[in-house]
Amino acid sequence: VRRDAPDPRFVYRAGRPDMRSSRVLKKKDNSIEEELGGLGERLKGAVKQGVGAVTGNESLRREGKRENKEGKARQEDNDVLD
């Protein structure tokens, strides 16, 4: 492992964080936007999980299940609607 190589979780492209870093750097702000972001992540995960199940693509199904869980966790951590 090269010590001078940048951490891949914090790679920026065109001023925007890489998809992997957006989850790591996401600010929890207890807002409607965070609630909707969690809902969107759950929906995206559910679609991937369904498509993976129908097509027999286990990798896609597992990815969808993981994203669904992450979205649910984001919504549970956010207490704006509680």
C-alpha atoms as a PDB file:
ATOM      1  CA  VAL A   1       0.000   0.000   0.000  1.00  0.00           C
ATOM      2  CA  ARG A   2       1.391   3.343  -1.046  1.00  0.00           C
ATOM      3  CA  ARG A   3       1.357   5.889   1.761  1.00  0.00           C
ATOM      4  CA  ASP A   4       1.394   8.874  -0.619  1.00  0.00           C
ATOM      5  CA  ALA A   5      -1.708   7.679  -2.511  1.00  0.00           C
ATOM      6  CA  PRO A   6      -4.906   9.572  -1.640  1.00  0.00           C
ATOM      7  CA  ASP A   7      -7.542   7.782   0.364  1.00  0.00           C
ATOM      8  CA  PRO A   8     -10.083   6.565  -2.235  1.00  0.00           C
ATOM      9  CA  ARG A   9     -12.980   7.542   0.046  1.00  0.00           C
ATOM     10  CA  PHE A  10     -12.046  11.201  -0.334  1.00  0.00           C
ATOM     11  CA  VAL A  11     -11.390  11.458  -4.070  1.00  0.00           C
ATOM     12  CA  TYR A  12     -12.951  14.523  -5.648  1.00  0.00           C
ATOM     13  CA  ARG A  13     -13.886  14.844  -9.299  1.00  0.00           C
ATOM     14  CA  ALA A  14     -14.799  18.185 -10.849  1.00  0.00           C
ATOM     15  CA  GLY A  15     -15.351  19.688  -7.393  1.00  0.00           C
ATOM     16  CA  ARG A  16     -17.824  16.994  -6.346  1.00  0.00           C
ATOM     17  CA  PRO A  17     -17.090  14.139  -3.975  1.00  0.00           C
ATOM     18  CA  ASP A  18     -16.895  10.654  -5.363  1.00  0.00           C
ATOM     19  CA  MET A  19     -20.012   8.540  -4.701  1.00  0.00           C
ATOM     20  CA  ARG A  20     -18.176   6.466  -2.123  1.00  0.00           C
ATOM     21  CA  SER A  21     -17.205   9.550  -0.121  1.00  0.00           C
ATOM     22  CA  SER A  22     -20.671  11.132  -0.164  1.00  0.00           C
ATOM     23  CA  ARG A  23     -21.876   8.606   2.402  1.00  0.00           C
ATOM     24  CA  VAL A  24     -18.770   9.033   4.540  1.00  0.00           C
ATOM     25  CA  LEU A  25     -18.918  12.841   4.504  1.00  0.00           C
ATOM     26  CA  LYS A  26     -22.721  13.192   4.683  1.00  0.00           C
ATOM     27  CA  LYS A  27     -23.771  15.703   7.305  1.00  0.00           C
ATOM     28  CA  LYS A  28     -26.667  14.651   9.496  1.00  0.00           C
ATOM     29  CA  ASP A  29     -28.782  17.776   9.804  1.00  0.00           C
ATOM     30  CA  ASN A  30     -32.242  16.528  10.887  1.00  0.00           C
ATOM     31  CA  SER A  31     -34.045  18.178   8.009  1.00  0.00           C
ATOM     32  CA  ILE A  32     -36.681  17.336   5.465  1.00  0.00           C
ATOM     33  CA  GLU A  33     -33.882  17.135   2.871  1.00  0.00           C
ATOM     34  CA  GLU A  34     -32.121  14.439   4.892  1.00  0.00           C
ATOM     35  CA  GLU A  35     -35.402  12.565   5.336  1.00  0.00           C
ATOM     36  CA  LEU A  36     -36.064  12.675   1.593  1.00  0.00           C
ATOM     37  CA  GLY A  37     -32.485  11.647   0.893  1.00  0.00           C
ATOM     38  CA  GLY A  38     -32.960   8.568   3.055  1.00  0.00           C
ATOM     39  CA  LEU A  39     -36.254   7.814   1.342  1.00  0.00           C
ATOM     40  CA  GLY A  40     -34.629   8.167  -2.076  1.00  0.00           C
ATOM     41  CA  GLU A  41     -31.837   5.831  -1.062  1.00  0.00           C
ATOM     42  CA  ARG A  42     -34.393   3.284   0.167  1.00  0.00           C
ATOM     43  CA  LEU A  43     -36.329   3.492  -3.104  1.00  0.00           C
ATOM     44  CA  LYS A  44     -33.186   3.149  -5.192  1.00  0.00           C
ATOM     45  CA  GLY A  45     -32.181   0.146  -3.110  1.00  0.00           C
ATOM     46  CA  ALA A  46     -35.606  -1.458  -3.456  1.00  0.00           C
ATOM     47  CA  VAL A  47     -35.501  -1.089  -7.244  1.00  0.00           C
ATOM     48  CA  LYS A  48     -31.999  -2.577  -7.446  1.00  0.00           C
ATOM     49  CA  GLN A  49     -32.998  -5.390  -5.125  1.00  0.00           C
ATOM     50  CA  GLY A  50     -36.073  -6.182  -7.242  1.00  0.00           C
ATOM     51  CA  VAL A  51     -34.235  -6.045 -10.553  1.00  0.00           C
ATOM     52  CA  GLY A  52     -31.471  -8.219  -9.116  1.00  0.00           C
ATOM     53  CA  ALA A  53     -34.008 -10.766  -7.895  1.00  0.00           C
ATOM     54  CA  VAL A  54     -35.857 -10.891 -11.233  1.00  0.00           C
ATOM     55  CA  THR A  55     -32.694 -11.147 -13.333  1.00  0.00           C
ATOM     56  CA  GLY A  56     -30.899 -13.504 -10.951  1.00  0.00           C
ATOM     57  CA  ASN A  57     -28.104 -10.988 -10.395  1.00  0.00           C
ATOM     58  CA  GLU A  58     -27.124 -11.649  -6.766  1.00  0.00           C
ATOM     59  CA  SER A  59     -24.583  -8.823  -6.692  1.00  0.00           C
ATOM     60  CA  LEU A  60     -27.204  -6.252  -7.708  1.00  0.00           C
ATOM     61  CA  ARG A  61     -29.729  -7.723  -5.271  1.00  0.00           C
ATOM     62  CA  ARG A  62     -27.226  -7.485  -2.374  1.00  0.00           C
ATOM     63  CA  GLU A  63     -26.280  -3.919  -3.354  1.00  0.00           C
ATOM     64  CA  GLY A  64     -29.950  -2.951  -3.354  1.00  0.00           C
ATOM     65  CA  LYS A  65     -30.511  -4.559   0.019  1.00  0.00           C
ATOM     66  CA  ARG A  66     -27.510  -2.667   1.458  1.00  0.00           C
ATOM     67  CA  GLU A  67     -28.703   0.668   0.040  1.00  0.00           C
ATOM     68  CA  ASN A  68     -32.193   0.033   1.361  1.00  0.00           C
ATOM     69  CA  LYS A  69     -30.770  -0.565   4.861  1.00  0.00           C
ATOM     70  CA  GLU A  70     -28.599   2.569   4.639  1.00  0.00           C
ATOM     71  CA  GLY A  71     -31.602   4.663   3.637  1.00  0.00           C
ATOM     72  CA  LYS A  72     -33.645   3.256   6.483  1.00  0.00           C
ATOM     73  CA  ALA A  73     -30.828   4.030   8.923  1.00  0.00           C
ATOM     74  CA  ARG A  74     -30.616   7.606   7.605  1.00  0.00           C
ATOM     75  CA  GLN A  75     -34.336   8.047   8.173  1.00  0.00           C
ATOM     76  CA  GLU A  76     -34.182   6.551  11.655  1.00  0.00           C
ATOM     77  CA  ASP A  77     -31.269   8.825  12.609  1.00  0.00           C
ATOM     78  CA  ASN A  78     -33.153  11.861  11.366  1.00  0.00           C
ATOM     79  CA  ASP A  79     -35.736  12.967  13.937  1.00  0.00           C
ATOM     80  CA  VAL A  80     -37.331  15.826  11.997  1.00  0.00           C
ATOM     81  CA  LEU A  81     -40.619  13.961  11.535  1.00  0.00           C
ATOM     82  CA  ASP A  82     -40.640  12.246  14.939  1.00  0.00           C
END
